[in-house]
Amino acid sequence: MGVRFLAGPAVMAAASMAVGLRGVLLHVAIVQAALPQGIVPFVFAKEYNVHPDILSTAVIFGMLIALPITLVYYVLLGL
């Protein structure tokens, strides 16, 4: 889970700079990449009965740690 919050923004930063995003748009893209996965993956897991209990735990855990991590990125990027 920790790698997801570090690798996601890093990949987004590299991809955004490769296509020419700069300034505030680049910072917003990085913060969005640090946000947790949504509830949609859980809905699909429940619908197709593919480990919904594991995914629900991941979604809850991701949302709990996402707020402080997102705030750190927000402050570091000066948004």
PDB file of N, CA and C in Angstrom:
ATOM      1  N   MET A   1       0.836  -1.183   0.000  1.00  0.00           N
ATOM      2  CA  MET A   1       0.000   0.000   0.000  1.00  0.00           C
ATOM      3  C   MET A   1       0.879   1.245   0.000  1.00  0.00           C
ATOM      4  N   GLY A   2       1.968   1.193   0.747  1.00  0.00           N
ATOM      5  CA  GLY A   2       2.871   2.343   0.792  1.00  0.00           C
ATOM      6  C   GLY A   2       3.502   2.637  -0.553  1.00  0.00           C
ATOM      7  N   VAL A   3       3.846   1.588  -1.266  1.00  0.00           N
ATOM      8  CA  VAL A   3       4.444   1.754  -2.597  1.00  0.00           C
ATOM      9  C   VAL A   3       3.456   2.435  -3.535  1.00  0.00           C
ATOM     10  N   ARG A   4       2.185   2.108  -3.381  1.00  0.00           N
ATOM     11  CA  ARG A   4       1.152   2.690  -4.245  1.00  0.00           C
ATOM     12  C   ARG A   4       1.096   4.209  -4.075  1.00  0.00           C
ATOM     13  N   PHE A   5       1.250   4.687  -2.834  1.00  0.00           N
ATOM     14  CA  PHE A   5       1.180   6.122  -2.583  1.00  0.00           C
ATOM     15  C   PHE A   5       2.466   6.853  -2.946  1.00  0.00           C
ATOM     16  N   LEU A   6       3.534   6.116  -3.174  1.00  0.00           N
ATOM     17  CA  LEU A   6       4.779   6.731  -3.616  1.00  0.00           C
ATOM     18  C   LEU A   6       4.992   6.557  -5.114  1.00  0.00           C
ATOM     19  N   ALA A   7       4.718   5.353  -5.618  1.00  0.00           N
ATOM     20  CA  ALA A   7       4.948   5.071  -7.035  1.00  0.00           C
ATOM     21  C   ALA A   7       3.906   5.762  -7.919  1.00  0.00           C
ATOM     22  N   GLY A   8       2.666   5.805  -7.473  1.00  0.00           N
ATOM     23  CA  GLY A   8       1.609   6.449  -8.273  1.00  0.00           C
ATOM     24  C   GLY A   8       1.920   7.897  -8.600  1.00  0.00           C
ATOM     25  N   PRO A   9       2.203   8.721  -7.589  1.00  0.00           N
ATOM     26  CA  PRO A   9       2.564  10.109  -7.876  1.00  0.00           C
ATOM     27  C   PRO A   9       3.855  10.247  -8.679  1.00  0.00           C
ATOM     28  N   ALA A  10       4.820   9.360  -8.453  1.00  0.00           N
ATOM     29  CA  ALA A  10       6.077   9.435  -9.216  1.00  0.00           C
ATOM     30  C   ALA A  10       5.844   9.142 -10.693  1.00  0.00           C
ATOM     31  N   VAL A  11       5.061   8.110 -10.978  1.00  0.00           N
ATOM     32  CA  VAL A  11       4.740   7.778 -12.376  1.00  0.00           C
ATOM     33  C   VAL A  11       3.919   8.903 -13.004  1.00  0.00           C
ATOM     34  N   MET A  12       2.966   9.446 -12.245  1.00  0.00           N
ATOM     35  CA  MET A  12       2.147  10.546 -12.765  1.00  0.00           C
ATOM     36  C   MET A  12       3.011  11.769 -13.047  1.00  0.00           C
ATOM     37  N   ALA A  13       3.963  12.063 -12.182  1.00  0.00           N
ATOM     38  CA  ALA A  13       4.848  13.214 -12.407  1.00  0.00           C
ATOM     39  C   ALA A  13       5.665  13.020 -13.671  1.00  0.00           C
ATOM     40  N   ALA A  14       6.225  11.834 -13.849  1.00  0.00           N
ATOM     41  CA  ALA A  14       7.039  11.570 -15.042  1.00  0.00           C
ATOM     42  C   ALA A  14       6.190  11.637 -16.313  1.00  0.00           C
ATOM     43  N   ALA A  15       5.018  11.014 -16.278  1.00  0.00           N
ATOM     44  CA  ALA A  15       4.148  11.019 -17.461  1.00  0.00           C
ATOM     45  C   ALA A  15       3.634  12.426 -17.767  1.00  0.00           C
ATOM     46  N   SER A  16       3.280  13.178 -16.730  1.00  0.00           N
ATOM     47  CA  SER A  16       2.777  14.541 -16.935  1.00  0.00           C
ATOM     48  C   SER A  16       3.843  15.452 -17.508  1.00  0.00           C
ATOM     49  N   MET A  17       5.071  15.321 -17.009  1.00  0.00           N
ATOM     50  CA  MET A  17       6.151  16.149 -17.547  1.00  0.00           C
ATOM     51  C   MET A  17       6.495  15.735 -18.969  1.00  0.00           C
ATOM     52  N   ALA A  18       6.333  14.459 -19.278  1.00  0.00           N
ATOM     53  CA  ALA A  18       6.613  13.984 -20.637  1.00  0.00           C
ATOM     54  C   ALA A  18       5.633  14.570 -21.654  1.00  0.00           C
ATOM     55  N   VAL A  19       4.387  14.802 -21.228  1.00  0.00           N
ATOM     56  CA  VAL A  19       3.410  15.380 -22.153  1.00  0.00           C
ATOM     57  C   VAL A  19       3.333  16.899 -22.054  1.00  0.00           C
ATOM     58  N   GLY A  20       4.131  17.483 -21.152  1.00  0.00           N
ATOM     59  CA  GLY A  20       4.233  18.939 -21.123  1.00  0.00           C
ATOM     60  C   GLY A  20       3.443  19.642 -20.036  1.00  0.00           C
ATOM     61  N   LEU A  21       2.920  18.926 -19.060  1.00  0.00           N
ATOM     62  CA  LEU A  21       2.217  19.604 -17.970  1.00  0.00           C
ATOM     63  C   LEU A  21       3.234  20.279 -17.059  1.00  0.00           C
ATOM     64  N   ARG A  22       2.939  21.489 -16.674  1.00  0.00           N
ATOM     65  CA  ARG A  22       3.817  22.243 -15.788  1.00  0.00           C
ATOM     66  C   ARG A  22       2.957  23.009 -14.788  1.00  0.00           C
ATOM     67  N   GLY A  23       3.585  23.494 -13.751  1.00  0.00           N
ATOM     68  CA  GLY A  23       2.928  24.378 -12.790  1.00  0.00           C
ATOM     69  C   GLY A  23       1.836  23.699 -11.989  1.00  0.00           C
ATOM     70  N   VAL A  24       0.741  24.430 -11.821  1.00  0.00           N
ATOM     71  CA  VAL A  24      -0.366  23.964 -10.984  1.00  0.00           C
ATOM     72  C   VAL A  24      -0.986  22.688 -11.546  1.00  0.00           C
ATOM     73  N   LEU A  25      -1.107  22.570 -12.857  1.00  0.00           N
ATOM     74  CA  LEU A  25      -1.692  21.358 -13.435  1.00  0.00           C
ATOM     75  C   LEU A  25      -0.856  20.118 -13.103  1.00  0.00           C
ATOM     76  N   LEU A  26       0.439  20.256 -13.129  1.00  0.00           N
ATOM     77  CA  LEU A  26       1.318  19.146 -12.753  1.00  0.00           C
ATOM     78  C   LEU A  26       1.116  18.784 -11.287  1.00  0.00           C
ATOM     79  N   HIS A  27       1.032  19.788 -10.433  1.00  0.00           N
ATOM     80  CA  HIS A  27       0.844  19.534  -9.007  1.00  0.00           C
ATOM     81  C   HIS A  27      -0.494  18.871  -8.725  1.00  0.00           C
ATOM     82  N   VAL A  28      -1.541  19.314  -9.393  1.00  0.00           N
ATOM     83  CA  VAL A  28      -2.868  18.710  -9.213  1.00  0.00           C
ATOM     84  C   VAL A  28      -2.859  17.254  -9.677  1.00  0.00           C
ATOM     85  N   ALA A  29      -2.198  16.971 -10.783  1.00  0.00           N
ATOM     86  CA  ALA A  29      -2.113  15.590 -11.280  1.00  0.00           C
ATOM     87  C   ALA A  29      -1.391  14.697 -10.277  1.00  0.00           C
ATOM     88  N   ILE A  30      -0.355  15.202  -9.642  1.00  0.00           N
ATOM     89  CA  ILE A  30       0.390  14.418  -8.652  1.00  0.00           C
ATOM     90  C   ILE A  30      -0.470  14.140  -7.419  1.00  0.00           C
ATOM     91  N   VAL A  31      -1.193  15.153  -6.949  1.00  0.00           N
ATOM     92  CA  VAL A  31      -2.075  14.958  -5.791  1.00  0.00           C
ATOM     93  C   VAL A  31      -3.175  13.959  -6.123  1.00  0.00           C
ATOM     94  N   GLN A  32      -3.749  14.040  -7.314  1.00  0.00           N
ATOM     95  CA  GLN A  32      -4.794  13.087  -7.703  1.00  0.00           C
ATOM     96  C   GLN A  32      -4.258  11.664  -7.772  1.00  0.00           C
ATOM     97  N   ALA A  33      -3.022  11.505  -8.173  1.00  0.00           N
ATOM     98  CA  ALA A  33      -2.427  10.168  -8.225  1.00  0.00           C
ATOM     99  C   ALA A  33      -2.213   9.600  -6.829  1.00  0.00           C
ATOM    100  N   ALA A  34      -2.130  10.461  -5.818  1.00  0.00           N
ATOM    101  CA  ALA A  34      -1.949   9.997  -4.445  1.00  0.00           C
ATOM    102  C   ALA A  34      -3.259   9.612  -3.777  1.00  0.00           C
ATOM    103  N   LEU A  35      -4.382   9.890  -4.411  1.00  0.00           N
ATOM    104  CA  LEU A  35      -5.676   9.565  -3.819  1.00  0.00           C
ATOM    105  C   LEU A  35      -5.902   8.053  -3.843  1.00  0.00           C
ATOM    106  N   PRO A  36      -6.722   7.556  -2.918  1.00  0.00           N
ATOM    107  CA  PRO A  36      -6.914   6.102  -2.836  1.00  0.00           C
ATOM    108  C   PRO A  36      -7.800   5.581  -3.956  1.00  0.00           C
ATOM    109  N   GLN A  37      -7.756   4.253  -4.110  1.00  0.00           N
ATOM    110  CA  GLN A  37      -8.668   3.638  -5.072  1.00  0.00           C
ATOM    111  C   GLN A  37     -10.089   3.854  -4.581  1.00  0.00           C
ATOM    112  N   GLY A  38     -11.012   3.910  -5.499  1.00  0.00           N
ATOM    113  CA  GLY A  38     -12.394   4.148  -5.139  1.00  0.00           C
ATOM    114  C   GLY A  38     -13.115   2.882  -4.744  1.00  0.00           C
ATOM    115  N   ILE A  39     -14.394   2.996  -4.631  1.00  0.00           N
ATOM    116  CA  ILE A  39     -15.222   1.874  -4.224  1.00  0.00           C
ATOM    117  C   ILE A  39     -15.580   0.988  -5.422  1.00  0.00           C
ATOM    118  N   VAL A  40     -15.375   1.479  -6.623  1.00  0.00           N
ATOM    119  CA  VAL A  40     -15.736   0.721  -7.827  1.00  0.00           C
ATOM    120  C   VAL A  40     -15.032  -0.635  -7.907  1.00  0.00           C
ATOM    121  N   PRO A  41     -13.725  -0.743  -7.606  1.00  0.00           N
ATOM    122  CA  PRO A  41     -13.114  -2.074  -7.629  1.00  0.00           C
ATOM    123  C   PRO A  41     -13.782  -3.056  -6.666  1.00  0.00           C
ATOM    124  N   PHE A  42     -14.227  -2.554  -5.504  1.00  0.00           N
ATOM    125  CA  PHE A  42     -14.924  -3.432  -4.568  1.00  0.00           C
ATOM    126  C   PHE A  42     -16.252  -3.907  -5.142  1.00  0.00           C
ATOM    127  N   VAL A  43     -16.962  -3.010  -5.805  1.00  0.00           N
ATOM    128  CA  VAL A  43     -18.248  -3.392  -6.403  1.00  0.00           C
ATOM    129  C   VAL A  43     -18.044  -4.505  -7.427  1.00  0.00           C
ATOM    130  N   PHE A  44     -17.033  -4.385  -8.252  1.00  0.00           N
ATOM    131  CA  PHE A  44     -16.756  -5.437  -9.237  1.00  0.00           C
ATOM    132  C   PHE A  44     -16.342  -6.735  -8.551  1.00  0.00           C
ATOM    133  N   ALA A  45     -15.527  -6.643  -7.503  1.00  0.00           N
ATOM    134  CA  ALA A  45     -15.106  -7.845  -6.776  1.00  0.00           C
ATOM    135  C   ALA A  45     -16.307  -8.536  -6.140  1.00  0.00           C
ATOM    136  N   LYS A  46     -17.220  -7.769  -5.594  1.00  0.00           N
ATOM    137  CA  LYS A  46     -18.419  -8.336  -4.980  1.00  0.00           C
ATOM    138  C   LYS A  46     -19.322  -8.952  -6.043  1.00  0.00           C
ATOM    139  N   GLU A  47     -19.467  -8.269  -7.156  1.00  0.00           N
ATOM    140  CA  GLU A  47     -20.334  -8.752  -8.237  1.00  0.00           C
ATOM    141  C   GLU A  47     -19.845 -10.082  -8.793  1.00  0.00           C
ATOM    142  N   TYR A  48     -18.541 -10.205  -8.986  1.00  0.00           N
ATOM    143  CA  TYR A  48     -17.981 -11.412  -9.589  1.00  0.00           C
ATOM    144  C   TYR A  48     -17.411 -12.380  -8.551  1.00  0.00           C
ATOM    145  N   ASN A  49     -17.607 -12.038  -7.259  1.00  0.00           N
ATOM    146  CA  ASN A  49     -17.181 -12.891  -6.147  1.00  0.00           C
ATOM    147  C   ASN A  49     -15.690 -13.259  -6.234  1.00  0.00           C
ATOM    148  N   VAL A  50     -14.872 -12.244  -6.428  1.00  0.00           N
ATOM    149  CA  VAL A  50     -13.428 -12.428  -6.516  1.00  0.00           C
ATOM    150  C   VAL A  50     -12.779 -11.691  -5.342  1.00  0.00           C
ATOM    151  N   HIS A  51     -12.652 -12.358  -4.209  1.00  0.00           N
ATOM    152  CA  HIS A  51     -12.014 -11.848  -2.994  1.00  0.00           C
ATOM    153  C   HIS A  51     -12.552 -10.488  -2.540  1.00  0.00           C
ATOM    154  N   PRO A  52     -13.874 -10.332  -2.398  1.00  0.00           N
ATOM    155  CA  PRO A  52     -14.395  -9.025  -1.964  1.00  0.00           C
ATOM    156  C   PRO A  52     -13.966  -8.655  -0.547  1.00  0.00           C
ATOM    157  N   ASP A  53     -13.742  -9.641   0.330  1.00  0.00           N
ATOM    158  CA  ASP A  53     -13.336  -9.326   1.694  1.00  0.00           C
ATOM    159  C   ASP A  53     -11.939  -8.715   1.738  1.00  0.00           C
ATOM    160  N   ILE A  54     -11.047  -9.223   0.934  1.00  0.00           N
ATOM    161  CA  ILE A  54      -9.688  -8.676   0.876  1.00  0.00           C
ATOM    162  C   ILE A  54      -9.712  -7.272   0.281  1.00  0.00           C
ATOM    163  N   LEU A  55     -10.468  -7.096  -0.779  1.00  0.00           N
ATOM    164  CA  LEU A  55     -10.516  -5.792  -1.432  1.00  0.00           C
ATOM    165  C   LEU A  55     -11.207  -4.750  -0.565  1.00  0.00           C
ATOM    166  N   SER A  56     -12.228  -5.158   0.182  1.00  0.00           N
ATOM    167  CA  SER A  56     -12.893  -4.188   1.058  1.00  0.00           C
ATOM    168  C   SER A  56     -11.933  -3.690   2.135  1.00  0.00           C
ATOM    169  N   THR A  57     -11.098  -4.578   2.646  1.00  0.00           N
ATOM    170  CA  THR A  57     -10.092  -4.171   3.629  1.00  0.00           C
ATOM    171  C   THR A  57      -9.089  -3.212   3.005  1.00  0.00           C
ATOM    172  N   ALA A  58      -8.673  -3.487   1.783  1.00  0.00           N
ATOM    173  CA  ALA A  58      -7.728  -2.607   1.091  1.00  0.00           C
ATOM    174  C   ALA A  58      -8.335  -1.236   0.847  1.00  0.00           C
ATOM    175  N   VAL A  59      -9.608  -1.194   0.469  1.00  0.00           N
ATOM    176  CA  VAL A  59     -10.267   0.091   0.206  1.00  0.00           C
ATOM    177  C   VAL A  59     -10.374   0.899   1.498  1.00  0.00           C
ATOM    178  N   ILE A  60     -10.788   0.263   2.586  1.00  0.00           N
ATOM    179  CA  ILE A  60     -10.917   0.970   3.869  1.00  0.00           C
ATOM    180  C   ILE A  60      -9.556   1.462   4.350  1.00  0.00           C
ATOM    181  N   PHE A  61      -8.565   0.590   4.314  1.00  0.00           N
ATOM    182  CA  PHE A  61      -7.220   0.970   4.751  1.00  0.00           C
ATOM    183  C   PHE A  61      -6.669   2.098   3.883  1.00  0.00           C
ATOM    184  N   GLY A  62      -6.882   1.998   2.582  1.00  0.00           N
ATOM    185  CA  GLY A  62      -6.405   3.034   1.666  1.00  0.00           C
ATOM    186  C   GLY A  62      -7.032   4.382   1.937  1.00  0.00           C
ATOM    187  N   MET A  63      -8.312   4.389   2.241  1.00  0.00           N
ATOM    188  CA  MET A  63      -8.990   5.657   2.523  1.00  0.00           C
ATOM    189  C   MET A  63      -8.534   6.244   3.852  1.00  0.00           C
ATOM    190  N   LEU A  64      -8.238   5.388   4.829  1.00  0.00           N
ATOM    191  CA  LEU A  64      -7.786   5.891   6.125  1.00  0.00           C
ATOM    192  C   LEU A  64      -6.410   6.549   6.053  1.00  0.00           C
ATOM    193  N   ILE A  65      -5.523   5.967   5.270  1.00  0.00           N
ATOM    194  CA  ILE A  65      -4.188   6.563   5.199  1.00  0.00           C
ATOM    195  C   ILE A  65      -4.059   7.589   4.084  1.00  0.00           C
ATOM    196  N   ALA A  66      -5.056   7.686   3.220  1.00  0.00           N
ATOM    197  CA  ALA A  66      -4.980   8.622   2.096  1.00  0.00           C
ATOM    198  C   ALA A  66      -5.054  10.082   2.528  1.00  0.00           C
ATOM    199  N   LEU A  67      -5.854  10.371   3.535  1.00  0.00           N
ATOM    200  CA  LEU A  67      -6.019  11.770   3.935  1.00  0.00           C
ATOM    201  C   LEU A  67      -4.702  12.396   4.380  1.00  0.00           C
ATOM    202  N   PRO A  68      -3.975  11.810   5.324  1.00  0.00           N
ATOM    203  CA  PRO A  68      -2.712  12.467   5.695  1.00  0.00           C
ATOM    204  C   PRO A  68      -1.687  12.498   4.567  1.00  0.00           C
ATOM    205  N   ILE A  69      -1.655  11.454   3.756  1.00  0.00           N
ATOM    206  CA  ILE A  69      -0.697  11.431   2.642  1.00  0.00           C
ATOM    207  C   ILE A  69      -1.047  12.499   1.616  1.00  0.00           C
ATOM    208  N   THR A  70      -2.332  12.631   1.308  1.00  0.00           N
ATOM    209  CA  THR A  70      -2.762  13.648   0.343  1.00  0.00           C
ATOM    210  C   THR A  70      -2.458  15.043   0.880  1.00  0.00           C
ATOM    211  N   LEU A  71      -2.669  15.250   2.169  1.00  0.00           N
ATOM    212  CA  LEU A  71      -2.354  16.557   2.755  1.00  0.00           C
ATOM    213  C   LEU A  71      -0.862  16.863   2.692  1.00  0.00           C
ATOM    214  N   VAL A  72      -0.028  15.850   2.880  1.00  0.00           N
ATOM    215  CA  VAL A  72       1.420  16.052   2.783  1.00  0.00           C
ATOM    216  C   VAL A  72       1.798  16.464   1.368  1.00  0.00           C
ATOM    217  N   TYR A  73       1.271  15.752   0.358  1.00  0.00           N
ATOM    218  CA  TYR A  73       1.540  16.136  -1.029  1.00  0.00           C
ATOM    219  C   TYR A  73       1.028  17.537  -1.314  1.00  0.00           C
ATOM    220  N   TYR A  74      -0.141  17.854  -0.808  1.00  0.00           N
ATOM    221  CA  TYR A  74      -0.737  19.179  -1.010  1.00  0.00           C
ATOM    222  C   TYR A  74       0.168  20.271  -0.454  1.00  0.00           C
ATOM    223  N   VAL A  75       0.681  20.064   0.750  1.00  0.00           N
ATOM    224  CA  VAL A  75       1.561  21.059   1.378  1.00  0.00           C
ATOM    225  C   VAL A  75       2.902  21.132   0.660  1.00  0.00           C
ATOM    226  N   LEU A  76       3.487  19.970   0.355  1.00  0.00           N
ATOM    227  CA  LEU A  76       4.802  19.953  -0.310  1.00  0.00           C
ATOM    228  C   LEU A  76       4.758  20.621  -1.688  1.00  0.00           C
ATOM    229  N   LEU A  77       3.631  20.461  -2.395  1.00  0.00           N
ATOM    230  CA  LEU A  77       3.532  21.040  -3.727  1.00  0.00           C
ATOM    231  C   LEU A  77       3.022  22.481  -3.708  1.00  0.00           C
ATOM    232  N   GLY A  78       2.658  22.968  -2.530  1.00  0.00           N
ATOM    233  CA  GLY A  78       2.252  24.367  -2.399  1.00  0.00           C
ATOM    234  C   GLY A  78       0.937  24.702  -3.061  1.00  0.00           C
ATOM    235  N   LEU A  79      -0.012  23.798  -3.011  1.00  0.00           N
ATOM    236  CA  LEU A  79      -1.322  24.079  -3.630  1.00  0.00           C
ATOM    237  C   LEU A  79      -2.232  24.793  -2.696  1.00  0.00           C
TER     238      LEU A  79
END
